[in-house]
Amino acid sequence: MNAKSKYGKKPLEKAEPIELQDEKKPAKKIKRQATQEQLDHPLHGVKLFEILESLVDYYGWKYLADEVKIMCFKVNPTMKVSLKFLRKYKWAREHVEDIYMDMLEDERYQRRQAKRNSKT
């Protein structure tokens, strides 16, 4: 068997590594900075878990089931299943966020009224 293998083909030669001199490195990603409008938004930095937890504490599951009308609030409601549903469906999450915003406004109103009543 000369230079050919028993199958009649020449043995493969080792390939030398290709050197790329003009290889470009990927540019560093620039982190986006939040605008002042985004920073001032009441939902900025608030996790969905925190929103749902405070709504359940403030209103309860029954109120949420009546307002949002989804099965995960009506039948055997749990945080895990509700969060999974809210993350999957944007319309439901937005509805829950609107209820949360109303709750924040309601709490602020109650605090203001309490301060006014304590002064008189």
PDB file of N, CA and C in Angstrom:
ATOM      1  N   MET A   1       0.831  -1.181   0.000  1.00  0.00           N
ATOM      2  CA  MET A   1       0.000   0.000   0.000  1.00  0.00           C
ATOM      3  C   MET A   1       0.872   1.240   0.000  1.00  0.00           C
ATOM      4  N   ASN A   2       0.930   1.786  -1.102  1.00  0.00           N
ATOM      5  CA  ASN A   2       1.777   2.959  -1.235  1.00  0.00           C
ATOM      6  C   ASN A   2       1.161   4.149  -0.529  1.00  0.00           C
ATOM      7  N   ALA A   3       0.947   5.223  -1.267  1.00  0.00           N
ATOM      8  CA  ALA A   3       0.372   6.443  -0.707  1.00  0.00           C
ATOM      9  C   ALA A   3      -1.140   6.339  -0.619  1.00  0.00           C
ATOM     10  N   LYS A   4      -1.698   5.277  -1.179  1.00  0.00           N
ATOM     11  CA  LYS A   4      -3.141   5.135  -1.162  1.00  0.00           C
ATOM     12  C   LYS A   4      -3.543   4.183  -0.057  1.00  0.00           C
ATOM     13  N   SER A   5      -4.735   4.375   0.461  1.00  0.00           N
ATOM     14  CA  SER A   5      -5.225   3.452   1.475  1.00  0.00           C
ATOM     15  C   SER A   5      -5.812   2.245   0.767  1.00  0.00           C
ATOM     16  N   LYS A   6      -6.292   1.284   1.501  1.00  0.00           N
ATOM     17  CA  LYS A   6      -6.815   0.074   0.880  1.00  0.00           C
ATOM     18  C   LYS A   6      -8.090   0.334   0.078  1.00  0.00           C
ATOM     19  N   TYR A   7      -8.685   1.503   0.233  1.00  0.00           N
ATOM     20  CA  TYR A   7      -9.900   1.838  -0.517  1.00  0.00           C
ATOM     21  C   TYR A   7      -9.589   2.616  -1.784  1.00  0.00           C
ATOM     22  N   GLY A   8      -8.376   2.856  -2.067  1.00  0.00           N
ATOM     23  CA  GLY A   8      -8.007   3.499  -3.304  1.00  0.00           C
ATOM     24  C   GLY A   8      -7.953   5.009  -3.224  1.00  0.00           C
ATOM     25  N   LYS A   9      -8.060   5.578  -2.051  1.00  0.00           N
ATOM     26  CA  LYS A   9      -8.013   7.031  -1.915  1.00  0.00           C
ATOM     27  C   LYS A   9      -6.748   7.436  -1.201  1.00  0.00           C
ATOM     28  N   LYS A  10      -6.325   8.640  -1.480  1.00  0.00           N
ATOM     29  CA  LYS A  10      -5.147   9.162  -0.808  1.00  0.00           C
ATOM     30  C   LYS A  10      -5.508   9.524   0.631  1.00  0.00           C
ATOM     31  N   PRO A  11      -4.593   9.366   1.545  1.00  0.00           N
ATOM     32  CA  PRO A  11      -4.885   9.774   2.926  1.00  0.00           C
ATOM     33  C   PRO A  11      -5.036  11.287   3.007  1.00  0.00           C
ATOM     34  N   LEU A  12      -5.874  11.717   3.923  1.00  0.00           N
ATOM     35  CA  LEU A  12      -6.116  13.150   4.089  1.00  0.00           C
ATOM     36  C   LEU A  12      -4.897  13.821   4.702  1.00  0.00           C
ATOM     37  N   GLU A  13      -4.596  14.958   4.165  1.00  0.00           N
ATOM     38  CA  GLU A  13      -3.494  15.723   4.711  1.00  0.00           C
ATOM     39  C   GLU A  13      -4.043  16.608   5.824  1.00  0.00           C
ATOM     40  N   LYS A  14      -3.214  16.876   6.782  1.00  0.00           N
ATOM     41  CA  LYS A  14      -3.630  17.740   7.870  1.00  0.00           C
ATOM     42  C   LYS A  14      -3.735  19.162   7.367  1.00  0.00           C
ATOM     43  N   ALA A  15      -4.855  19.764   7.667  1.00  0.00           N
ATOM     44  CA  ALA A  15      -5.061  21.144   7.255  1.00  0.00           C
ATOM     45  C   ALA A  15      -4.390  22.074   8.257  1.00  0.00           C
ATOM     46  N   GLU A  16      -3.749  23.075   7.723  1.00  0.00           N
ATOM     47  CA  GLU A  16      -3.102  24.038   8.591  1.00  0.00           C
ATOM     48  C   GLU A  16      -4.124  25.081   9.017  1.00  0.00           C
ATOM     49  N   PRO A  17      -4.000  25.590  10.229  1.00  0.00           N
ATOM     50  CA  PRO A  17      -4.969  26.576  10.700  1.00  0.00           C
ATOM     51  C   PRO A  17      -4.914  27.849   9.878  1.00  0.00           C
ATOM     52  N   ILE A  18      -6.089  28.383   9.639  1.00  0.00           N
ATOM     53  CA  ILE A  18      -6.193  29.620   8.861  1.00  0.00           C
ATOM     54  C   ILE A  18      -6.045  30.791   9.820  1.00  0.00           C
ATOM     55  N   GLU A  19      -5.158  31.682   9.475  1.00  0.00           N
ATOM     56  CA  GLU A  19      -4.951  32.844  10.324  1.00  0.00           C
ATOM     57  C   GLU A  19      -5.689  34.024   9.723  1.00  0.00           C
ATOM     58  N   LEU A  20      -6.561  34.589  10.526  1.00  0.00           N
ATOM     59  CA  LEU A  20      -7.306  35.762  10.085  1.00  0.00           C
ATOM     60  C   LEU A  20      -6.700  36.986  10.751  1.00  0.00           C
ATOM     61  N   GLN A  21      -6.038  37.760   9.956  1.00  0.00           N
ATOM     62  CA  GLN A  21      -5.395  38.936  10.512  1.00  0.00           C
ATOM     63  C   GLN A  21      -6.385  40.089  10.659  1.00  0.00           C
ATOM     64  N   ASP A  22      -7.370  40.152   9.781  1.00  0.00           N
ATOM     65  CA  ASP A  22      -8.317  41.262   9.800  1.00  0.00           C
ATOM     66  C   ASP A  22      -9.593  40.908  10.559  1.00  0.00           C
ATOM     67  N   GLU A  23      -9.478  39.996  11.493  1.00  0.00           N
ATOM     68  CA  GLU A  23     -10.669  39.584  12.239  1.00  0.00           C
ATOM     69  C   GLU A  23     -11.126  40.733  13.139  1.00  0.00           C
ATOM     70  N   LYS A  24     -12.399  41.080  13.017  1.00  0.00           N
ATOM     71  CA  LYS A  24     -12.948  42.180  13.803  1.00  0.00           C
ATOM     72  C   LYS A  24     -13.565  41.639  15.077  1.00  0.00           C
ATOM     73  N   LYS A  25     -13.320  42.323  16.158  1.00  0.00           N
ATOM     74  CA  LYS A  25     -13.913  41.940  17.430  1.00  0.00           C
ATOM     75  C   LYS A  25     -15.280  42.604  17.540  1.00  0.00           C
ATOM     76  N   PRO A  26     -16.240  41.914  18.156  1.00  0.00           N
ATOM     77  CA  PRO A  26     -17.568  42.526  18.285  1.00  0.00           C
ATOM     78  C   PRO A  26     -17.494  43.762  19.186  1.00  0.00           C
ATOM     79  N   ALA A  27     -18.268  44.739  18.802  1.00  0.00           N
ATOM     80  CA  ALA A  27     -18.295  45.988  19.568  1.00  0.00           C
ATOM     81  C   ALA A  27     -18.980  45.755  20.907  1.00  0.00           C
ATOM     82  N   LYS A  28     -18.571  46.483  21.901  1.00  0.00           N
ATOM     83  CA  LYS A  28     -19.187  46.369  23.216  1.00  0.00           C
ATOM     84  C   LYS A  28     -20.597  46.930  23.159  1.00  0.00           C
ATOM     85  N   LYS A  29     -21.476  46.254  23.868  1.00  0.00           N
ATOM     86  CA  LYS A  29     -22.853  46.732  23.907  1.00  0.00           C
ATOM     87  C   LYS A  29     -22.938  47.931  24.836  1.00  0.00           C
ATOM     88  N   ILE A  30     -23.657  48.917  24.385  1.00  0.00           N
ATOM     89  CA  ILE A  30     -23.856  50.108  25.200  1.00  0.00           C
ATOM     90  C   ILE A  30     -25.155  49.938  25.963  1.00  0.00           C
ATOM     91  N   LYS A  31     -25.080  50.076  27.278  1.00  0.00           N
ATOM     92  CA  LYS A  31     -26.277  49.939  28.098  1.00  0.00           C
ATOM     93  C   LYS A  31     -27.154  51.154  27.895  1.00  0.00           C
ATOM     94  N   ARG A  32     -28.449  50.869  27.716  1.00  0.00           N
ATOM     95  CA  ARG A  32     -29.391  51.973  27.557  1.00  0.00           C
ATOM     96  C   ARG A  32     -29.696  52.556  28.930  1.00  0.00           C
ATOM     97  N   GLN A  33     -29.736  53.840  28.983  1.00  0.00           N
ATOM     98  CA  GLN A  33     -30.076  54.523  30.219  1.00  0.00           C
ATOM     99  C   GLN A  33     -31.569  54.854  30.188  1.00  0.00           C
ATOM    100  N   ALA A  34     -32.218  54.672  31.330  1.00  0.00           N
ATOM    101  CA  ALA A  34     -33.645  54.972  31.425  1.00  0.00           C
ATOM    102  C   ALA A  34     -33.849  56.479  31.354  1.00  0.00           C
ATOM    103  N   THR A  35     -34.892  56.877  30.654  1.00  0.00           N
ATOM    104  CA  THR A  35     -35.213  58.295  30.587  1.00  0.00           C
ATOM    105  C   THR A  35     -35.870  58.723  31.893  1.00  0.00           C
ATOM    106  N   GLN A  36     -35.943  60.016  32.114  1.00  0.00           N
ATOM    107  CA  GLN A  36     -36.561  60.516  33.341  1.00  0.00           C
ATOM    108  C   GLN A  36     -38.040  60.143  33.399  1.00  0.00           C
ATOM    109  N   GLU A  37     -38.678  60.122  32.252  1.00  0.00           N
ATOM    110  CA  GLU A  37     -40.097  59.734  32.202  1.00  0.00           C
ATOM    111  C   GLU A  37     -40.275  58.284  32.662  1.00  0.00           C
ATOM    112  N   GLN A  38     -39.368  57.410  32.226  1.00  0.00           N
ATOM    113  CA  GLN A  38     -39.439  56.011  32.648  1.00  0.00           C
ATOM    114  C   GLN A  38     -39.147  55.871  34.135  1.00  0.00           C
ATOM    115  N   LEU A  39     -38.200  56.627  34.636  1.00  0.00           N
ATOM    116  CA  LEU A  39     -37.864  56.562  36.055  1.00  0.00           C
ATOM    117  C   LEU A  39     -38.995  57.066  36.933  1.00  0.00           C
ATOM    118  N   ASP A  40     -39.763  58.034  36.442  1.00  0.00           N
ATOM    119  CA  ASP A  40     -40.857  58.604  37.217  1.00  0.00           C
ATOM    120  C   ASP A  40     -42.119  57.749  37.190  1.00  0.00           C
ATOM    121  N   HIS A  41     -42.176  56.783  36.292  1.00  0.00           N
ATOM    122  CA  HIS A  41     -43.366  55.937  36.179  1.00  0.00           C
ATOM    123  C   HIS A  41     -43.510  55.075  37.431  1.00  0.00           C
ATOM    124  N   PRO A  42     -44.715  54.983  38.010  1.00  0.00           N
ATOM    125  CA  PRO A  42     -44.903  54.224  39.251  1.00  0.00           C
ATOM    126  C   PRO A  42     -44.583  52.733  39.136  1.00  0.00           C
ATOM    127  N   LEU A  43     -44.638  52.165  37.947  1.00  0.00           N
ATOM    128  CA  LEU A  43     -44.350  50.747  37.780  1.00  0.00           C
ATOM    129  C   LEU A  43     -42.869  50.463  37.523  1.00  0.00           C
ATOM    130  N   HIS A  44     -42.059  51.516  37.414  1.00  0.00           N
ATOM    131  CA  HIS A  44     -40.634  51.325  37.136  1.00  0.00           C
ATOM    132  C   HIS A  44     -39.968  50.605  38.295  1.00  0.00           C
ATOM    133  N   GLY A  45     -39.367  49.446  38.014  1.00  0.00           N
ATOM    134  CA  GLY A  45     -38.648  48.685  39.025  1.00  0.00           C
ATOM    135  C   GLY A  45     -39.512  47.798  39.896  1.00  0.00           C
ATOM    136  N   VAL A  46     -40.818  47.781  39.653  1.00  0.00           N
ATOM    137  CA  VAL A  46     -41.718  46.944  40.451  1.00  0.00           C
ATOM    138  C   VAL A  46     -41.926  45.638  39.703  1.00  0.00           C
ATOM    139  N   LYS A  47     -41.673  44.523  40.370  1.00  0.00           N
ATOM    140  CA  LYS A  47     -41.822  43.218  39.737  1.00  0.00           C
ATOM    141  C   LYS A  47     -43.285  42.805  39.730  1.00  0.00           C
ATOM    142  N   LEU A  48     -43.624  41.970  38.765  1.00  0.00           N
ATOM    143  CA  LEU A  48     -44.996  41.490  38.632  1.00  0.00           C
ATOM    144  C   LEU A  48     -45.433  40.728  39.883  1.00  0.00           C
ATOM    145  N   PHE A  49     -44.524  40.000  40.489  1.00  0.00           N
ATOM    146  CA  PHE A  49     -44.837  39.283  41.727  1.00  0.00           C
ATOM    147  C   PHE A  49     -45.261  40.257  42.830  1.00  0.00           C
ATOM    148  N   GLU A  50     -44.521  41.361  42.949  1.00  0.00           N
ATOM    149  CA  GLU A  50     -44.837  42.364  43.967  1.00  0.00           C
ATOM    150  C   GLU A  50     -46.184  43.009  43.695  1.00  0.00           C
ATOM    151  N   ILE A  51     -46.495  43.260  42.432  1.00  0.00           N
ATOM    152  CA  ILE A  51     -47.780  43.852  42.070  1.00  0.00           C
ATOM    153  C   ILE A  51     -48.911  42.926  42.463  1.00  0.00           C
ATOM    154  N   LEU A  52     -48.800  41.661  42.052  1.00  0.00           N
ATOM    155  CA  LEU A  52     -49.861  40.703  42.341  1.00  0.00           C
ATOM    156  C   LEU A  52     -50.002  40.455  43.839  1.00  0.00           C
ATOM    157  N   GLU A  53     -48.891  40.381  44.533  1.00  0.00           N
ATOM    158  CA  GLU A  53     -48.921  40.144  45.976  1.00  0.00           C
ATOM    159  C   GLU A  53     -49.625  41.291  46.713  1.00  0.00           C
ATOM    160  N   SER A  54     -49.313  42.518  46.336  1.00  0.00           N
ATOM    161  CA  SER A  54     -49.952  43.649  47.005  1.00  0.00           C
ATOM    162  C   SER A  54     -51.435  43.748  46.651  1.00  0.00           C
ATOM    163  N   LEU A  55     -51.800  43.387  45.411  1.00  0.00           N
ATOM    164  CA  LEU A  55     -53.214  43.398  45.035  1.00  0.00           C
ATOM    165  C   LEU A  55     -54.004  42.345  45.808  1.00  0.00           C
ATOM    166  N   VAL A  56     -53.422  41.175  45.981  1.00  0.00           N
ATOM    167  CA  VAL A  56     -54.098  40.111  46.731  1.00  0.00           C
ATOM    168  C   VAL A  56     -54.247  40.523  48.197  1.00  0.00           C
ATOM    169  N   ASP A  57     -53.212  41.156  48.757  1.00  0.00           N
ATOM    170  CA  ASP A  57     -53.299  41.618  50.144  1.00  0.00           C
ATOM    171  C   ASP A  57     -54.345  42.718  50.306  1.00  0.00           C
ATOM    172  N   TYR A  58     -54.406  43.609  49.335  1.00  0.00           N
ATOM    173  CA  TYR A  58     -55.292  44.775  49.440  1.00  0.00           C
ATOM    174  C   TYR A  58     -56.738  44.432  49.100  1.00  0.00           C
ATOM    175  N   TYR A  59     -56.944  43.708  47.977  1.00  0.00           N
ATOM    176  CA  TYR A  59     -58.302  43.434  47.506  1.00  0.00           C
ATOM    177  C   TYR A  59     -58.749  41.995  47.761  1.00  0.00           C
ATOM    178  N   GLY A  60     -57.848  41.047  47.578  1.00  0.00           N
ATOM    179  CA  GLY A  60     -58.199  39.636  47.681  1.00  0.00           C
ATOM    180  C   GLY A  60     -58.452  39.026  46.312  1.00  0.00           C
ATOM    181  N   TRP A  61     -58.439  37.691  46.266  1.00  0.00           N
ATOM    182  CA  TRP A  61     -58.603  36.970  44.997  1.00  0.00           C
ATOM    183  C   TRP A  61     -59.987  37.170  44.402  1.00  0.00           C
ATOM    184  N   LYS A  62     -61.009  37.248  45.244  1.00  0.00           N
ATOM    185  CA  LYS A  62     -62.374  37.363  44.732  1.00  0.00           C
ATOM    186  C   LYS A  62     -62.561  38.649  43.934  1.00  0.00           C
ATOM    187  N   TYR A  63     -62.071  39.752  44.451  1.00  0.00           N
ATOM    188  CA  TYR A  63     -62.171  41.028  43.742  1.00  0.00           C
ATOM    189  C   TYR A  63     -61.419  40.960  42.413  1.00  0.00           C
ATOM    190  N   LEU A  64     -60.204  40.387  42.439  1.00  0.00           N
ATOM    191  CA  LEU A  64     -59.420  40.270  41.203  1.00  0.00           C
ATOM    192  C   LEU A  64     -60.134  39.386  40.181  1.00  0.00           C
ATOM    193  N   ALA A  65     -60.776  38.320  40.661  1.00  0.00           N
ATOM    194  CA  ALA A  65     -61.514  37.434  39.752  1.00  0.00           C
ATOM    195  C   ALA A  65     -62.686  38.168  39.120  1.00  0.00           C
ATOM    196  N   ASP A  66     -63.347  39.022  39.879  1.00  0.00           N
ATOM    197  CA  ASP A  66     -64.466  39.791  39.339  1.00  0.00           C
ATOM    198  C   ASP A  66     -64.009  40.854  38.349  1.00  0.00           C
ATOM    199  N   GLU A  67     -62.854  41.443  38.605  1.00  0.00           N
ATOM    200  CA  GLU A  67     -62.365  42.526  37.749  1.00  0.00           C
ATOM    201  C   GLU A  67     -61.708  42.028  36.461  1.00  0.00           C
ATOM    202  N   VAL A  68     -60.872  41.011  36.570  1.00  0.00           N
ATOM    203  CA  VAL A  68     -60.073  40.582  35.414  1.00  0.00           C
ATOM    204  C   VAL A  68     -60.743  39.452  34.645  1.00  0.00           C
ATOM    205  N   LYS A  69     -61.518  38.629  35.297  1.00  0.00           N
ATOM    206  CA  LYS A  69     -62.277  37.545  34.676  1.00  0.00           C
ATOM    207  C   LYS A  69     -61.376  36.537  33.951  1.00  0.00           C
ATOM    208  N   ILE A  70     -60.437  35.994  34.706  1.00  0.00           N
ATOM    209  CA  ILE A  70     -59.623  34.901  34.189  1.00  0.00           C
ATOM    210  C   ILE A  70     -59.716  33.746  35.183  1.00  0.00           C
ATOM    211  N   MET A  71     -59.642  32.534  34.667  1.00  0.00           N
ATOM    212  CA  MET A  71     -59.860  31.335  35.475  1.00  0.00           C
ATOM    213  C   MET A  71     -58.812  31.161  36.579  1.00  0.00           C
ATOM    214  N   CYS A  72     -57.595  31.600  36.342  1.00  0.00           N
ATOM    215  CA  CYS A  72     -56.564  31.392  37.360  1.00  0.00           C
ATOM    216  C   CYS A  72     -56.806  32.253  38.597  1.00  0.00           C
ATOM    217  N   PHE A  73     -57.679  33.258  38.503  1.00  0.00           N
ATOM    218  CA  PHE A  73     -58.091  34.026  39.674  1.00  0.00           C
ATOM    219  C   PHE A  73     -59.359  33.454  40.301  1.00  0.00           C
ATOM    220  N   LYS A  74     -60.151  32.740  39.512  1.00  0.00           N
ATOM    221  CA  LYS A  74     -61.441  32.247  39.992  1.00  0.00           C
ATOM    222  C   LYS A  74     -61.337  30.872  40.647  1.00  0.00           C
ATOM    223  N   VAL A  75     -60.697  29.929  39.991  1.00  0.00           N
ATOM    224  CA  VAL A  75     -60.661  28.544  40.446  1.00  0.00           C
ATOM    225  C   VAL A  75     -59.301  28.244  41.075  1.00  0.00           C
ATOM    226  N   ASN A  76     -59.286  27.980  42.368  1.00  0.00           N
ATOM    227  CA  ASN A  76     -58.076  27.622  43.103  1.00  0.00           C
ATOM    228  C   ASN A  76     -56.910  28.555  42.763  1.00  0.00           C
ATOM    229  N   PRO A  77     -57.020  29.840  43.073  1.00  0.00           N
ATOM    230  CA  PRO A  77     -55.979  30.801  42.691  1.00  0.00           C
ATOM    231  C   PRO A  77     -54.677  30.595  43.467  1.00  0.00           C
ATOM    232  N   THR A  78     -53.593  30.598  42.745  1.00  0.00           N
ATOM    233  CA  THR A  78     -52.259  30.541  43.343  1.00  0.00           C
ATOM    234  C   THR A  78     -51.382  31.581  42.667  1.00  0.00           C
ATOM    235  N   MET A  79     -50.357  31.994  43.375  1.00  0.00           N
ATOM    236  CA  MET A  79     -49.447  32.998  42.823  1.00  0.00           C
ATOM    237  C   MET A  79     -48.703  32.448  41.603  1.00  0.00           C
ATOM    238  N   LYS A  80     -48.243  31.199  41.691  1.00  0.00           N
ATOM    239  CA  LYS A  80     -47.430  30.616  40.624  1.00  0.00           C
ATOM    240  C   LYS A  80     -48.199  30.564  39.302  1.00  0.00           C
ATOM    241  N   VAL A  81     -49.421  30.041  39.336  1.00  0.00           N
ATOM    242  CA  VAL A  81     -50.216  29.902  38.113  1.00  0.00           C
ATOM    243  C   VAL A  81     -50.623  31.280  37.582  1.00  0.00           C
ATOM    244  N   SER A  82     -50.981  32.170  38.491  1.00  0.00           N
ATOM    245  CA  SER A  82     -51.397  33.509  38.076  1.00  0.00           C
ATOM    246  C   SER A  82     -50.249  34.263  37.422  1.00  0.00           C
ATOM    247  N   LEU A  83     -49.059  34.183  37.998  1.00  0.00           N
ATOM    248  CA  LEU A  83     -47.900  34.849  37.406  1.00  0.00           C
ATOM    249  C   LEU A  83     -47.570  34.281  36.036  1.00  0.00           C
ATOM    250  N   LYS A  84     -47.667  32.973  35.894  1.00  0.00           N
ATOM    251  CA  LYS A  84     -47.395  32.334  34.602  1.00  0.00           C
ATOM    252  C   LYS A  84     -48.368  32.849  33.543  1.00  0.00           C
ATOM    253  N   PHE A  85     -49.650  32.952  33.914  1.00  0.00           N
ATOM    254  CA  PHE A  85     -50.660  33.432  32.974  1.00  0.00           C
ATOM    255  C   PHE A  85     -50.426  34.899  32.619  1.00  0.00           C
ATOM    256  N   LEU A  86     -50.139  35.718  33.629  1.00  0.00           N
ATOM    257  CA  LEU A  86     -49.941  37.150  33.394  1.00  0.00           C
ATOM    258  C   LEU A  86     -48.700  37.427  32.552  1.00  0.00           C
ATOM    259  N   ARG A  87     -47.678  36.596  32.696  1.00  0.00           N
ATOM    260  CA  ARG A  87     -46.486  36.779  31.870  1.00  0.00           C
ATOM    261  C   ARG A  87     -46.730  36.362  30.424  1.00  0.00           C
ATOM    262  N   LYS A  88     -47.640  35.432  30.230  1.00  0.00           N
ATOM    263  CA  LYS A  88     -47.914  34.917  28.893  1.00  0.00           C
ATOM    264  C   LYS A  88     -48.844  35.842  28.102  1.00  0.00           C
ATOM    265  N   TYR A  89     -49.835  36.424  28.779  1.00  0.00           N
ATOM    266  CA  TYR A  89     -50.835  37.238  28.091  1.00  0.00           C
ATOM    267  C   TYR A  89     -50.720  38.699  28.508  1.00  0.00           C
ATOM    268  N   LYS A  90     -50.314  39.510  27.544  1.00  0.00           N
ATOM    269  CA  LYS A  90     -50.057  40.930  27.807  1.00  0.00           C
ATOM    270  C   LYS A  90     -51.318  41.662  28.231  1.00  0.00           C
ATOM    271  N   TRP A  91     -52.469  41.337  27.626  1.00  0.00           N
ATOM    272  CA  TRP A  91     -53.712  42.045  27.947  1.00  0.00           C
ATOM    273  C   TRP A  91     -54.089  41.852  29.415  1.00  0.00           C
ATOM    274  N   ALA A  92     -53.861  40.664  29.944  1.00  0.00           N
ATOM    275  CA  ALA A  92     -54.195  40.395  31.345  1.00  0.00           C
ATOM    276  C   ALA A  92     -53.230  41.135  32.273  1.00  0.00           C
ATOM    277  N   ARG A  93     -51.955  41.137  31.911  1.00  0.00           N
ATOM    278  CA  ARG A  93     -50.965  41.841  32.728  1.00  0.00           C
ATOM    279  C   ARG A  93     -51.261  43.336  32.769  1.00  0.00           C
ATOM    280  N   GLU A  94     -51.611  43.904  31.622  1.00  0.00           N
ATOM    281  CA  GLU A  94     -51.928  45.333  31.578  1.00  0.00           C
ATOM    282  C   GLU A  94     -53.149  45.650  32.428  1.00  0.00           C
ATOM    283  N   HIS A  95     -54.126  44.763  32.411  1.00  0.00           N
ATOM    284  CA  HIS A  95     -55.324  44.970  33.220  1.00  0.00           C
ATOM    285  C   HIS A  95     -54.976  44.949  34.708  1.00  0.00           C
ATOM    286  N   VAL A  96     -54.138  44.004  35.111  1.00  0.00           N
ATOM    287  CA  VAL A  96     -53.717  43.908  36.510  1.00  0.00           C
ATOM    288  C   VAL A  96     -52.884  45.135  36.888  1.00  0.00           C
ATOM    289  N   GLU A  97     -52.028  45.598  35.987  1.00  0.00           N
ATOM    290  CA  GLU A  97     -51.240  46.796  36.259  1.00  0.00           C
ATOM    291  C   GLU A  97     -52.140  48.016  36.432  1.00  0.00           C
ATOM    292  N   ASP A  98     -53.210  48.116  35.644  1.00  0.00           N
ATOM    293  CA  ASP A  98     -54.161  49.223  35.794  1.00  0.00           C
ATOM    294  C   ASP A  98     -54.836  49.176  37.169  1.00  0.00           C
ATOM    295  N   ILE A  99     -55.200  47.997  37.617  1.00  0.00           N
ATOM    296  CA  ILE A  99     -55.811  47.854  38.945  1.00  0.00           C
ATOM    297  C   ILE A  99     -54.804  48.259  40.014  1.00  0.00           C
ATOM    298  N   TYR A 100     -53.546  47.902  39.816  1.00  0.00           N
ATOM    299  CA  TYR A 100     -52.497  48.271  40.766  1.00  0.00           C
ATOM    300  C   TYR A 100     -52.333  49.787  40.827  1.00  0.00           C
ATOM    301  N   MET A 101     -52.349  50.429  39.664  1.00  0.00           N
ATOM    302  CA  MET A 101     -52.240  51.894  39.621  1.00  0.00           C
ATOM    303  C   MET A 101     -53.415  52.539  40.361  1.00  0.00           C
ATOM    304  N   ASP A 102     -54.617  51.997  40.159  1.00  0.00           N
ATOM    305  CA  ASP A 102     -55.788  52.512  40.879  1.00  0.00           C
ATOM    306  C   ASP A 102     -55.617  52.319  42.381  1.00  0.00           C
ATOM    307  N   MET A 103     -55.054  51.189  42.778  1.00  0.00           N
ATOM    308  CA  MET A 103     -54.827  50.928  44.195  1.00  0.00           C
ATOM    309  C   MET A 103     -53.844  51.947  44.782  1.00  0.00           C
ATOM    310  N   LEU A 104     -52.776  52.258  44.038  1.00  0.00           N
ATOM    311  CA  LEU A 104     -51.813  53.246  44.519  1.00  0.00           C
ATOM    312  C   LEU A 104     -52.469  54.613  44.695  1.00  0.00           C
ATOM    313  N   GLU A 105     -53.282  55.001  43.729  1.00  0.00           N
ATOM    314  CA  GLU A 105     -53.980  56.279  43.837  1.00  0.00           C
ATOM    315  C   GLU A 105     -54.948  56.265  45.015  1.00  0.00           C
ATOM    316  N   ASP A 106     -55.607  55.160  45.236  1.00  0.00           N
ATOM    317  CA  ASP A 106     -56.553  55.035  46.339  1.00  0.00           C
ATOM    318  C   ASP A 106     -55.825  55.130  47.677  1.00  0.00           C
ATOM    319  N   GLU A 107     -54.692  54.477  47.813  1.00  0.00           N
ATOM    320  CA  GLU A 107     -53.919  54.539  49.049  1.00  0.00           C
ATOM    321  C   GLU A 107     -53.415  55.950  49.310  1.00  0.00           C
ATOM    322  N   ARG A 108     -52.972  56.620  48.278  1.00  0.00           N
ATOM    323  CA  ARG A 108     -52.500  57.999  48.430  1.00  0.00           C
ATOM    324  C   ARG A 108     -53.642  58.895  48.892  1.00  0.00           C
ATOM    325  N   TYR A 109     -54.798  58.700  48.315  1.00  0.00           N
ATOM    326  CA  TYR A 109     -55.969  59.486  48.701  1.00  0.00           C
ATOM    327  C   TYR A 109     -56.308  59.240  50.165  1.00  0.00           C
ATOM    328  N   GLN A 110     -56.263  57.996  50.579  1.00  0.00           N
ATOM    329  CA  GLN A 110     -56.570  57.672  51.970  1.00  0.00           C
ATOM    330  C   GLN A 110     -55.553  58.293  52.923  1.00  0.00           C
ATOM    331  N   ARG A 111     -54.282  58.293  52.562  1.00  0.00           N
ATOM    332  CA  ARG A 111     -53.252  58.901  53.413  1.00  0.00           C
ATOM    333  C   ARG A 111     -53.469  60.403  53.539  1.00  0.00           C
ATOM    334  N   ARG A 112     -53.793  61.044  52.408  1.00  0.00           N
ATOM    335  CA  ARG A 112     -54.041  62.488  52.438  1.00  0.00           C
ATOM    336  C   ARG A 112     -55.229  62.818  53.322  1.00  0.00           C
ATOM    337  N   GLN A 113     -56.285  62.020  53.192  1.00  0.00           N
ATOM    338  CA  GLN A 113     -57.470  62.251  54.020  1.00  0.00           C
ATOM    339  C   GLN A 113     -57.148  62.041  55.501  1.00  0.00           C
ATOM    340  N   ALA A 114     -56.337  61.050  55.801  1.00  0.00           N
ATOM    341  CA  ALA A 114     -55.967  60.782  57.196  1.00  0.00           C
ATOM    342  C   ALA A 114     -55.147  61.937  57.761  1.00  0.00           C
ATOM    343  N   LYS A 115     -54.233  62.485  56.963  1.00  0.00           N
ATOM    344  CA  LYS A 115     -53.447  63.627  57.411  1.00  0.00           C
ATOM    345  C   LYS A 115     -54.319  64.855  57.661  1.00  0.00           C
ATOM    346  N   ARG A 116     -55.267  65.086  56.769  1.00  0.00           N
ATOM    347  CA  ARG A 116     -56.177  66.223  56.921  1.00  0.00           C
ATOM    348  C   ARG A 116     -57.047  66.072  58.159  1.00  0.00           C
ATOM    349  N   ASN A 117     -57.522  64.876  58.404  1.00  0.00           N
ATOM    350  CA  ASN A 117     -58.381  64.620  59.571  1.00  0.00           C
ATOM    351  C   ASN A 117     -57.595  64.753  60.876  1.00  0.00           C
ATOM    352  N   SER A 118     -56.314  64.385  60.867  1.00  0.00           N
ATOM    353  CA  SER A 118     -55.520  64.472  62.088  1.00  0.00           C
ATOM    354  C   SER A 118     -55.183  65.909  62.436  1.00  0.00           C
ATOM    355  N   LYS A 119     -55.135  66.812  61.438  1.00  0.00           N
ATOM    356  CA  LYS A 119     -54.841  68.225  61.687  1.00  0.00           C
ATOM    357  C   LYS A 119     -56.028  68.953  62.310  1.00  0.00           C
ATOM    358  N   THR A 120     -57.238  68.529  62.009  1.00  0.00           N
ATOM    359  CA  THR A 120     -58.413  69.231  62.540  1.00  0.00           C
ATOM    360  C   THR A 120     -58.895  68.660  63.827  1.00  0.00           C
TER     361      THR A 120
END
